[in-house]
């Protein structure tokens, strides 16, 4: 991969090069803010316990 890739910091939307040591963040402040959001449950991964399992062969829902 090229080190010249530029993305937007997920916190402040500043342009960030891939070679930045805090990538994908622009600074330690944005990195710490993001970590704090995860630690305080501001962010969460959706609960998929209600998702139906799928049969690997045909991709159809498994009926029990």
C-alpha atoms as a PDB file:
ATOM      1  CA  UNK A   1       0.000   0.000   0.000  1.00  0.00           C
ATOM      2  CA  UNK A   2       1.127   3.495  -0.685  1.00  0.00           C
ATOM      3  CA  UNK A   3       2.004   5.688   2.286  1.00  0.00           C
ATOM      4  CA  UNK A   4       0.563   8.663   0.409  1.00  0.00           C
ATOM      5  CA  UNK A   5      -3.060   7.687   1.098  1.00  0.00           C
ATOM      6  CA  UNK A   6      -5.004  10.545   2.648  1.00  0.00           C
ATOM      7  CA  UNK A   7      -8.183  10.052   4.700  1.00  0.00           C
ATOM      8  CA  UNK A   8     -10.254  12.236   7.004  1.00  0.00           C
ATOM      9  CA  UNK A   9      -9.744  11.938  10.762  1.00  0.00           C
ATOM     10  CA  UNK A  10     -12.901  10.255  12.133  1.00  0.00           C
ATOM     11  CA  UNK A  11     -13.095  12.780  14.974  1.00  0.00           C
ATOM     12  CA  UNK A  12     -12.300  16.228  13.511  1.00  0.00           C
ATOM     13  CA  UNK A  13     -12.358  15.514   9.745  1.00  0.00           C
ATOM     14  CA  UNK A  14      -8.819  16.898   9.207  1.00  0.00           C
ATOM     15  CA  UNK A  15      -6.904  15.308   6.320  1.00  0.00           C
ATOM     16  CA  UNK A  16      -4.485  12.624   7.555  1.00  0.00           C
ATOM     17  CA  UNK A  17      -1.729  10.819   5.649  1.00  0.00           C
ATOM     18  CA  UNK A  18      -1.345   7.085   6.169  1.00  0.00           C
ATOM     19  CA  UNK A  19       2.226   7.602   7.379  1.00  0.00           C
ATOM     20  CA  UNK A  20       0.973   9.640  10.386  1.00  0.00           C
ATOM     21  CA  UNK A  21       1.813   7.758  13.604  1.00  0.00           C
ATOM     22  CA  UNK A  22      -1.758   8.289  14.897  1.00  0.00           C
ATOM     23  CA  UNK A  23      -3.433   7.066  11.690  1.00  0.00           C
ATOM     24  CA  UNK A  24      -6.384   7.079  11.117  1.00  0.00           C
ATOM     25  CA  UNK A  25      -6.496   9.927  13.626  1.00  0.00           C
ATOM     26  CA  UNK A  26      -4.684  13.221  13.129  1.00  0.00           C
ATOM     27  CA  UNK A  27      -3.399  13.613  16.685  1.00  0.00           C
ATOM     28  CA  UNK A  28      -3.172  11.963  20.090  1.00  0.00           C
ATOM     29  CA  UNK A  29      -6.079  14.162  21.192  1.00  0.00           C
ATOM     30  CA  UNK A  30      -8.449  12.740  18.566  1.00  0.00           C
ATOM     31  CA  UNK A  31      -7.178   9.214  19.274  1.00  0.00           C
ATOM     32  CA  UNK A  32      -7.827   9.626  23.013  1.00  0.00           C
ATOM     33  CA  UNK A  33     -11.244  11.190  22.429  1.00  0.00           C
ATOM     34  CA  UNK A  34     -12.257   8.198  20.314  1.00  0.00           C
ATOM     35  CA  UNK A  35     -10.998   5.749  22.941  1.00  0.00           C
ATOM     36  CA  UNK A  36     -12.939   7.661  25.602  1.00  0.00           C
ATOM     37  CA  UNK A  37     -16.115   7.385  23.508  1.00  0.00           C
ATOM     38  CA  UNK A  38     -15.735   3.593  23.385  1.00  0.00           C
ATOM     39  CA  UNK A  39     -14.931   3.405  27.115  1.00  0.00           C
ATOM     40  CA  UNK A  40     -17.980   5.487  28.072  1.00  0.00           C
ATOM     41  CA  UNK A  41     -20.324   3.472  25.800  1.00  0.00           C
ATOM     42  CA  UNK A  42     -20.948   6.447  23.508  1.00  0.00           C
ATOM     43  CA  UNK A  43     -20.168   3.977  20.726  1.00  0.00           C
ATOM     44  CA  UNK A  44     -21.398   0.414  20.701  1.00  0.00           C
ATOM     45  CA  UNK A  45     -21.559  -2.549  18.388  1.00  0.00           C
ATOM     46  CA  UNK A  46     -25.177  -3.500  17.614  1.00  0.00           C
ATOM     47  CA  UNK A  47     -26.522  -6.625  19.285  1.00  0.00           C
ATOM     48  CA  UNK A  48     -27.068  -9.288  16.645  1.00  0.00           C
ATOM     49  CA  UNK A  49     -28.630 -11.857  18.986  1.00  0.00           C
ATOM     50  CA  UNK A  50     -31.916 -11.596  17.069  1.00  0.00           C
ATOM     51  CA  UNK A  51     -30.228 -12.300  13.716  1.00  0.00           C
ATOM     52  CA  UNK A  52     -31.199 -15.567  12.086  1.00  0.00           C
ATOM     53  CA  UNK A  53     -28.451 -18.099  11.389  1.00  0.00           C
ATOM     54  CA  UNK A  54     -27.904 -18.944   7.728  1.00  0.00           C
ATOM     55  CA  UNK A  55     -27.277 -22.295   6.107  1.00  0.00           C
ATOM     56  CA  UNK A  56     -23.794 -22.251   4.524  1.00  0.00           C
ATOM     57  CA  UNK A  57     -24.833 -24.230   1.446  1.00  0.00           C
ATOM     58  CA  UNK A  58     -27.649 -22.105   0.067  1.00  0.00           C
ATOM     59  CA  UNK A  59     -27.577 -18.913   2.085  1.00  0.00           C
ATOM     60  CA  UNK A  60     -31.161 -19.399   3.234  1.00  0.00           C
ATOM     61  CA  UNK A  61     -32.363 -18.861   6.821  1.00  0.00           C
ATOM     62  CA  UNK A  62     -32.332 -22.000   8.949  1.00  0.00           C
ATOM     63  CA  UNK A  63     -35.822 -22.882  10.216  1.00  0.00           C
ATOM     64  CA  UNK A  64     -35.900 -24.713  13.567  1.00  0.00           C
END
